[in-house]
Each structure stands twice: as C-alpha cells, then as structure tokens.
Amino acid sequence: MSNPKITVSVRWLMDNWLWEEYCEVSGTSLWAVNEGQIDSDENVEVPAELMRRVASFLVSAAVETDGYDDAWTE
C-alpha cells in the first residue's frame, strides 16, 4: 500500500499562507518564485509534515463552500 500524496500549485500554497511552512519543511528558498527558481503555476508534492494541515484546510474549504468552489475548477 502506497502512502497518499497531495499535489498543489505553488500559487495555492502562497494564497493560503502555507508557502513559508512548505519552504521550511522542503528546504525550498522562500524567495524561489521571485528569483525564478520555480514558477507559481508549478505543482509540488506536499511533504508528509504538511499533509495534515493541507488536508484540514481543504476539508474546511469544502464545508464552507458546500464542496464547490469556482477557484477549484479553473
């Protein structure tokens, strides 16, 4: 049985105030987007240390929007 994986865009992490935590856990430079090392539209795998926090955020957002959010369909 494989471990679950969550993949989100860098932009999503930044929009939801999780970018700094992602950088601390993954070793990515906090300034990677500004320095052109990574594109904000790029998808990244959420490290195990952040999975519970990201999953909690997604569940909360789904409850608040009755499971539907226009931003998720873009």
PDB file of N, CA and C in Angstrom:
ATOM      1  N   MET A   1       0.846  -1.178   0.000  1.00  0.00           N
ATOM      2  CA  MET A   1       0.000   0.000   0.000  1.00  0.00           C
ATOM      3  C   MET A   1       0.889   1.238   0.000  1.00  0.00           C
ATOM      4  N   SER A   2       0.656   2.122  -0.932  1.00  0.00           N
ATOM      5  CA  SER A   2       1.489   3.321  -1.027  1.00  0.00           C
ATOM      6  C   SER A   2       0.942   4.437  -0.143  1.00  0.00           C
ATOM      7  N   ASN A   3       1.826   5.348   0.197  1.00  0.00           N
ATOM      8  CA  ASN A   3       1.426   6.499   1.004  1.00  0.00           C
ATOM      9  C   ASN A   3       0.614   7.465   0.158  1.00  0.00           C
ATOM     10  N   PRO A   4      -0.392   8.104   0.745  1.00  0.00           N
ATOM     11  CA  PRO A   4      -1.176   9.084  -0.015  1.00  0.00           C
ATOM     12  C   PRO A   4      -0.316  10.288  -0.374  1.00  0.00           C
ATOM     13  N   LYS A   5      -0.644  10.908  -1.493  1.00  0.00           N
ATOM     14  CA  LYS A   5       0.100  12.083  -1.935  1.00  0.00           C
ATOM     15  C   LYS A   5      -0.875  13.205  -2.234  1.00  0.00           C
ATOM     16  N   ILE A   6      -0.479  14.408  -1.877  1.00  0.00           N
ATOM     17  CA  ILE A   6      -1.259  15.598  -2.195  1.00  0.00           C
ATOM     18  C   ILE A   6      -0.364  16.498  -3.026  1.00  0.00           C
ATOM     19  N   THR A   7      -0.866  16.914  -4.179  1.00  0.00           N
ATOM     20  CA  THR A   7      -0.127  17.819  -5.044  1.00  0.00           C
ATOM     21  C   THR A   7      -0.934  19.099  -5.198  1.00  0.00           C
ATOM     22  N   VAL A   8      -0.276  20.229  -4.981  1.00  0.00           N
ATOM     23  CA  VAL A   8      -0.920  21.538  -5.104  1.00  0.00           C
ATOM     24  C   VAL A   8       0.021  22.467  -5.850  1.00  0.00           C
ATOM     25  N   SER A   9      -0.520  23.569  -6.344  1.00  0.00           N
ATOM     26  CA  SER A   9       0.335  24.541  -7.023  1.00  0.00           C
ATOM     27  C   SER A   9       1.036  25.422  -6.001  1.00  0.00           C
ATOM     28  N   VAL A  10       2.162  25.957  -6.402  1.00  0.00           N
ATOM     29  CA  VAL A  10       2.886  26.910  -5.562  1.00  0.00           C
ATOM     30  C   VAL A  10       1.977  28.094  -5.260  1.00  0.00           C
ATOM     31  N   ARG A  11       1.217  28.539  -6.254  1.00  0.00           N
ATOM     32  CA  ARG A  11       0.289  29.664  -6.067  1.00  0.00           C
ATOM     33  C   ARG A  11      -0.720  29.344  -4.961  1.00  0.00           C
ATOM     34  N   TRP A  12      -1.237  28.114  -4.948  1.00  0.00           N
ATOM     35  CA  TRP A  12      -2.199  27.725  -3.917  1.00  0.00           C
ATOM     36  C   TRP A  12      -1.566  27.829  -2.535  1.00  0.00           C
ATOM     37  N   LEU A  13      -0.334  27.346  -2.409  1.00  0.00           N
ATOM     38  CA  LEU A  13       0.367  27.443  -1.126  1.00  0.00           C
ATOM     39  C   LEU A  13       0.522  28.897  -0.702  1.00  0.00           C
ATOM     40  N   MET A  14       0.884  29.753  -1.651  1.00  0.00           N
ATOM     41  CA  MET A  14       1.074  31.170  -1.328  1.00  0.00           C
ATOM     42  C   MET A  14      -0.257  31.823  -0.971  1.00  0.00           C
ATOM     43  N   ASP A  15      -1.299  31.541  -1.736  1.00  0.00           N
ATOM     44  CA  ASP A  15      -2.616  32.142  -1.484  1.00  0.00           C
ATOM     45  C   ASP A  15      -3.202  31.728  -0.137  1.00  0.00           C
ATOM     46  N   ASN A  16      -2.808  30.569   0.346  1.00  0.00           N
ATOM     47  CA  ASN A  16      -3.361  30.051   1.595  1.00  0.00           C
ATOM     48  C   ASN A  16      -2.374  30.116   2.756  1.00  0.00           C
ATOM     49  N   TRP A  17      -1.388  30.966   2.622  1.00  0.00           N
ATOM     50  CA  TRP A  17      -0.423  31.252   3.692  1.00  0.00           C
ATOM     51  C   TRP A  17       0.343  30.014   4.154  1.00  0.00           C
ATOM     52  N   LEU A  18       0.591  29.091   3.243  1.00  0.00           N
ATOM     53  CA  LEU A  18       1.335  27.883   3.586  1.00  0.00           C
ATOM     54  C   LEU A  18       2.708  27.828   2.920  1.00  0.00           C
ATOM     55  N   TRP A  19       3.021  28.828   2.105  1.00  0.00           N
ATOM     56  CA  TRP A  19       4.280  28.833   1.365  1.00  0.00           C
ATOM     57  C   TRP A  19       5.493  28.808   2.299  1.00  0.00           C
ATOM     58  N   GLU A  20       5.484  29.630   3.334  1.00  0.00           N
ATOM     59  CA  GLU A  20       6.624  29.692   4.248  1.00  0.00           C
ATOM     60  C   GLU A  20       6.835  28.344   4.946  1.00  0.00           C
ATOM     61  N   GLU A  21       5.750  27.724   5.388  1.00  0.00           N
ATOM     62  CA  GLU A  21       5.860  26.404   6.023  1.00  0.00           C
ATOM     63  C   GLU A  21       6.381  25.367   5.036  1.00  0.00           C
ATOM     64  N   TYR A  22       5.871  25.426   3.791  1.00  0.00           N
ATOM     65  CA  TYR A  22       6.339  24.495   2.765  1.00  0.00           C
ATOM     66  C   TYR A  22       7.847  24.645   2.571  1.00  0.00           C
ATOM     67  N   CYS A  23       8.302  25.888   2.493  1.00  0.00           N
ATOM     68  CA  CYS A  23       9.728  26.148   2.283  1.00  0.00           C
ATOM     69  C   CYS A  23      10.570  25.615   3.433  1.00  0.00           C
ATOM     70  N   GLU A  24      10.112  25.816   4.659  1.00  0.00           N
ATOM     71  CA  GLU A  24      10.849  25.331   5.830  1.00  0.00           C
ATOM     72  C   GLU A  24      10.979  23.814   5.811  1.00  0.00           C
ATOM     73  N   VAL A  25       9.896  23.130   5.482  1.00  0.00           N
ATOM     74  CA  VAL A  25       9.883  21.665   5.505  1.00  0.00           C
ATOM     75  C   VAL A  25      10.627  21.076   4.307  1.00  0.00           C
ATOM     76  N   SER A  26      10.475  21.688   3.135  1.00  0.00           N
ATOM     77  CA  SER A  26      11.043  21.113   1.914  1.00  0.00           C
ATOM     78  C   SER A  26      12.466  21.572   1.620  1.00  0.00           C
ATOM     79  N   GLY A  27      12.903  22.641   2.291  1.00  0.00           N
ATOM     80  CA  GLY A  27      14.235  23.176   2.011  1.00  0.00           C
ATOM     81  C   GLY A  27      14.266  24.103   0.811  1.00  0.00           C
ATOM     82  N   THR A  28      13.097  24.469   0.302  1.00  0.00           N
ATOM     83  CA  THR A  28      12.993  25.402  -0.816  1.00  0.00           C
ATOM     84  C   THR A  28      13.229  26.819  -0.312  1.00  0.00           C
ATOM     85  N   SER A  29      13.897  27.630  -1.108  1.00  0.00           N
ATOM     86  CA  SER A  29      14.123  29.023  -0.733  1.00  0.00           C
ATOM     87  C   SER A  29      12.795  29.763  -0.679  1.00  0.00           C
ATOM     88  N   LEU A  30      12.618  30.567   0.349  1.00  0.00           N
ATOM     89  CA  LEU A  30      11.413  31.378   0.485  1.00  0.00           C
ATOM     90  C   LEU A  30      11.242  32.306  -0.714  1.00  0.00           C
ATOM     91  N   TRP A  31      12.345  32.666  -1.339  1.00  0.00           N
ATOM     92  CA  TRP A  31      12.335  33.609  -2.465  1.00  0.00           C
ATOM     93  C   TRP A  31      12.420  32.909  -3.820  1.00  0.00           C
ATOM     94  N   ALA A  32      12.205  31.606  -3.866  1.00  0.00           N
ATOM     95  CA  ALA A  32      12.359  30.828  -5.098  1.00  0.00           C
ATOM     96  C   ALA A  32      11.505  31.352  -6.245  1.00  0.00           C
ATOM     97  N   VAL A  33      10.279  31.786  -5.960  1.00  0.00           N
ATOM     98  CA  VAL A  33       9.398  32.297  -7.022  1.00  0.00           C
ATOM     99  C   VAL A  33       9.951  33.620  -7.538  1.00  0.00           C
ATOM    100  N   ASN A  34      10.296  34.524  -6.631  1.00  0.00           N
ATOM    101  CA  ASN A  34      10.823  35.828  -7.038  1.00  0.00           C
ATOM    102  C   ASN A  34      12.133  35.705  -7.798  1.00  0.00           C
ATOM    103  N   GLU A  35      12.932  34.707  -7.457  1.00  0.00           N
ATOM    104  CA  GLU A  35      14.230  34.517  -8.097  1.00  0.00           C
ATOM    105  C   GLU A  35      14.146  33.669  -9.360  1.00  0.00           C
ATOM    106  N   GLY A  36      12.942  33.246  -9.745  1.00  0.00           N
ATOM    107  CA  GLY A  36      12.757  32.478 -10.969  1.00  0.00           C
ATOM    108  C   GLY A  36      13.187  31.022 -10.868  1.00  0.00           C
ATOM    109  N   GLN A  37      13.396  30.514  -9.662  1.00  0.00           N
ATOM    110  CA  GLN A  37      13.801  29.121  -9.484  1.00  0.00           C
ATOM    111  C   GLN A  37      12.616  28.164  -9.620  1.00  0.00           C
ATOM    112  N   ILE A  38      11.413  28.695  -9.399  1.00  0.00           N
ATOM    113  CA  ILE A  38      10.195  27.891  -9.503  1.00  0.00           C
ATOM    114  C   ILE A  38       9.075  28.815  -9.977  1.00  0.00           C
ATOM    115  N   ASP A  39       8.171  28.287 -10.776  1.00  0.00           N
ATOM    116  CA  ASP A  39       7.049  29.074 -11.284  1.00  0.00           C
ATOM    117  C   ASP A  39       5.853  28.896 -10.353  1.00  0.00           C
ATOM    118  N   SER A  40       5.099  29.952 -10.139  1.00  0.00           N
ATOM    119  CA  SER A  40       3.959  29.868  -9.215  1.00  0.00           C
ATOM    120  C   SER A  40       2.872  28.914  -9.714  1.00  0.00           C
ATOM    121  N   ASP A  41       2.851  28.609 -11.000  1.00  0.00           N
ATOM    122  CA  ASP A  41       1.873  27.664 -11.544  1.00  0.00           C
ATOM    123  C   ASP A  41       2.343  26.212 -11.444  1.00  0.00           C
ATOM    124  N   GLU A  42       3.581  26.022 -11.036  1.00  0.00           N
ATOM    125  CA  GLU A  42       4.138  24.678 -10.928  1.00  0.00           C
ATOM    126  C   GLU A  42       3.488  23.914  -9.776  1.00  0.00           C
ATOM    127  N   ASN A  43       3.225  22.644 -10.003  1.00  0.00           N
ATOM    128  CA  ASN A  43       2.666  21.790  -8.953  1.00  0.00           C
ATOM    129  C   ASN A  43       3.792  21.150  -8.160  1.00  0.00           C
ATOM    130  N   VAL A  44       3.589  21.071  -6.849  1.00  0.00           N
ATOM    131  CA  VAL A  44       4.567  20.447  -5.965  1.00  0.00           C
ATOM    132  C   VAL A  44       3.849  19.441  -5.075  1.00  0.00           C
ATOM    133  N   GLU A  45       4.573  18.422  -4.674  1.00  0.00           N
ATOM    134  CA  GLU A  45       4.014  17.436  -3.753  1.00  0.00           C
ATOM    135  C   GLU A  45       4.164  17.969  -2.331  1.00  0.00           C
ATOM    136  N   VAL A  46       3.102  17.883  -1.582  1.00  0.00           N
ATOM    137  CA  VAL A  46       3.116  18.361  -0.201  1.00  0.00           C
ATOM    138  C   VAL A  46       3.908  17.366   0.647  1.00  0.00           C
ATOM    139  N   PRO A  47       4.930  17.852   1.367  1.00  0.00           N
ATOM    140  CA  PRO A  47       5.689  16.952   2.241  1.00  0.00           C
ATOM    141  C   PRO A  47       4.792  16.358   3.330  1.00  0.00           C
ATOM    142  N   ALA A  48       5.142  15.169   3.791  1.00  0.00           N
ATOM    143  CA  ALA A  48       4.343  14.473   4.806  1.00  0.00           C
ATOM    144  C   ALA A  48       4.074  15.347   6.024  1.00  0.00           C
ATOM    145  N   GLU A  49       5.049  16.173   6.404  1.00  0.00           N
ATOM    146  CA  GLU A  49       4.898  17.024   7.581  1.00  0.00           C
ATOM    147  C   GLU A  49       3.762  18.035   7.440  1.00  0.00           C
ATOM    148  N   LEU A  50       3.404  18.386   6.212  1.00  0.00           N
ATOM    149  CA  LEU A  50       2.349  19.378   5.984  1.00  0.00           C
ATOM    150  C   LEU A  50       1.027  18.769   5.535  1.00  0.00           C
ATOM    151  N   MET A  51       0.997  17.473   5.282  1.00  0.00           N
ATOM    152  CA  MET A  51      -0.214  16.854   4.730  1.00  0.00           C
ATOM    153  C   MET A  51      -1.444  17.074   5.595  1.00  0.00           C
ATOM    154  N   ARG A  52      -1.320  16.869   6.893  1.00  0.00           N
ATOM    155  CA  ARG A  52      -2.483  17.016   7.771  1.00  0.00           C
ATOM    156  C   ARG A  52      -3.004  18.446   7.730  1.00  0.00           C
ATOM    157  N   ARG A  53      -2.106  19.417   7.732  1.00  0.00           N
ATOM    158  CA  ARG A  53      -2.522  20.830   7.711  1.00  0.00           C
ATOM    159  C   ARG A  53      -3.225  21.171   6.395  1.00  0.00           C
ATOM    160  N   VAL A  54      -2.663  20.731   5.275  1.00  0.00           N
ATOM    161  CA  VAL A  54      -3.266  20.996   3.970  1.00  0.00           C
ATOM    162  C   VAL A  54      -4.603  20.273   3.853  1.00  0.00           C
ATOM    163  N   ALA A  55      -4.664  19.020   4.276  1.00  0.00           N
ATOM    164  CA  ALA A  55      -5.915  18.265   4.207  1.00  0.00           C
ATOM    165  C   ALA A  55      -6.995  18.929   5.055  1.00  0.00           C
ATOM    166  N   SER A  56      -6.640  19.405   6.244  1.00  0.00           N
ATOM    167  CA  SER A  56      -7.607  20.096   7.106  1.00  0.00           C
ATOM    168  C   SER A  56      -8.125  21.352   6.432  1.00  0.00           C
ATOM    169  N   PHE A  57      -7.230  22.070   5.778  1.00  0.00           N
ATOM    170  CA  PHE A  57      -7.630  23.286   5.079  1.00  0.00           C
ATOM    171  C   PHE A  57      -8.601  22.953   3.947  1.00  0.00           C
ATOM    172  N   LEU A  58      -8.301  21.908   3.177  1.00  0.00           N
ATOM    173  CA  LEU A  58      -9.164  21.531   2.055  1.00  0.00           C
ATOM    174  C   LEU A  58     -10.548  21.099   2.534  1.00  0.00           C
ATOM    175  N   VAL A  59     -10.606  20.344   3.625  1.00  0.00           N
ATOM    176  CA  VAL A  59     -11.897  19.911   4.165  1.00  0.00           C
ATOM    177  C   VAL A  59     -12.691  21.117   4.649  1.00  0.00           C
ATOM    178  N   SER A  60     -12.040  22.032   5.361  1.00  0.00           N
ATOM    179  CA  SER A  60     -12.718  23.244   5.842  1.00  0.00           C
ATOM    180  C   SER A  60     -13.256  24.063   4.680  1.00  0.00           C
ATOM    181  N   ALA A  61     -12.460  24.200   3.627  1.00  0.00           N
ATOM    182  CA  ALA A  61     -12.889  24.973   2.464  1.00  0.00           C
ATOM    183  C   ALA A  61     -14.075  24.298   1.784  1.00  0.00           C
ATOM    184  N   ALA A  62     -14.068  22.973   1.711  1.00  0.00           N
ATOM    185  CA  ALA A  62     -15.176  22.248   1.085  1.00  0.00           C
ATOM    186  C   ALA A  62     -16.458  22.422   1.884  1.00  0.00           C
ATOM    187  N   VAL A  63     -16.364  22.396   3.204  1.00  0.00           N
ATOM    188  CA  VAL A  63     -17.543  22.571   4.058  1.00  0.00           C
ATOM    189  C   VAL A  63     -18.100  23.983   3.904  1.00  0.00           C
ATOM    190  N   GLU A  64     -17.221  24.979   3.869  1.00  0.00           N
ATOM    191  CA  GLU A  64     -17.653  26.370   3.748  1.00  0.00           C
ATOM    192  C   GLU A  64     -18.326  26.652   2.413  1.00  0.00           C
ATOM    193  N   THR A  65     -17.954  25.911   1.368  1.00  0.00           N
ATOM    194  CA  THR A  65     -18.496  26.164   0.033  1.00  0.00           C
ATOM    195  C   THR A  65     -19.438  25.054  -0.422  1.00  0.00           C
ATOM    196  N   ASP A  66     -19.883  24.233   0.505  1.00  0.00           N
ATOM    197  CA  ASP A  66     -20.728  23.082   0.173  1.00  0.00           C
ATOM    198  C   ASP A  66     -20.056  22.174  -0.845  1.00  0.00           C
ATOM    199  N   GLY A  67     -18.731  22.090  -0.773  1.00  0.00           N
ATOM    200  CA  GLY A  67     -17.992  21.194  -1.651  1.00  0.00           C
ATOM    201  C   GLY A  67     -17.718  21.740  -3.028  1.00  0.00           C
ATOM    202  N   TYR A  68     -18.071  22.983  -3.284  1.00  0.00           N
ATOM    203  CA  TYR A  68     -17.864  23.538  -4.615  1.00  0.00           C
ATOM    204  C   TYR A  68     -17.250  24.919  -4.513  1.00  0.00           C
ATOM    205  N   ASP A  69     -16.226  25.135  -5.280  1.00  0.00           N
ATOM    206  CA  ASP A  69     -15.559  26.434  -5.301  1.00  0.00           C
ATOM    207  C   ASP A  69     -15.105  26.690  -6.729  1.00  0.00           C
ATOM    208  N   ASP A  70     -15.490  27.819  -7.293  1.00  0.00           N
ATOM    209  CA  ASP A  70     -15.106  28.150  -8.665  1.00  0.00           C
ATOM    210  C   ASP A  70     -13.601  28.095  -8.865  1.00  0.00           C
ATOM    211  N   ALA A  71     -12.831  28.493  -7.856  1.00  0.00           N
ATOM    212  CA  ALA A  71     -11.379  28.516  -7.989  1.00  0.00           C
ATOM    213  C   ALA A  71     -10.819  27.115  -8.211  1.00  0.00           C
ATOM    214  N   TRP A  72     -11.497  26.087  -7.705  1.00  0.00           N
ATOM    215  CA  TRP A  72     -11.004  24.727  -7.859  1.00  0.00           C
ATOM    216  C   TRP A  72     -11.241  24.192  -9.264  1.00  0.00           C
ATOM    217  N   THR A  73     -12.079  24.851 -10.043  1.00  0.00           N
ATOM    218  CA  THR A  73     -12.396  24.351 -11.377  1.00  0.00           C
ATOM    219  C   THR A  73     -11.614  25.065 -12.465  1.00  0.00           C
ATOM    220  N   GLU A  74     -10.795  26.024 -12.095  1.00  0.00           N
ATOM    221  CA  GLU A  74     -10.036  26.781 -13.106  1.00  0.00           C
ATOM    222  C   GLU A  74      -8.929  25.953 -13.689  1.00  0.00           C
TER     223      GLU A  74
END
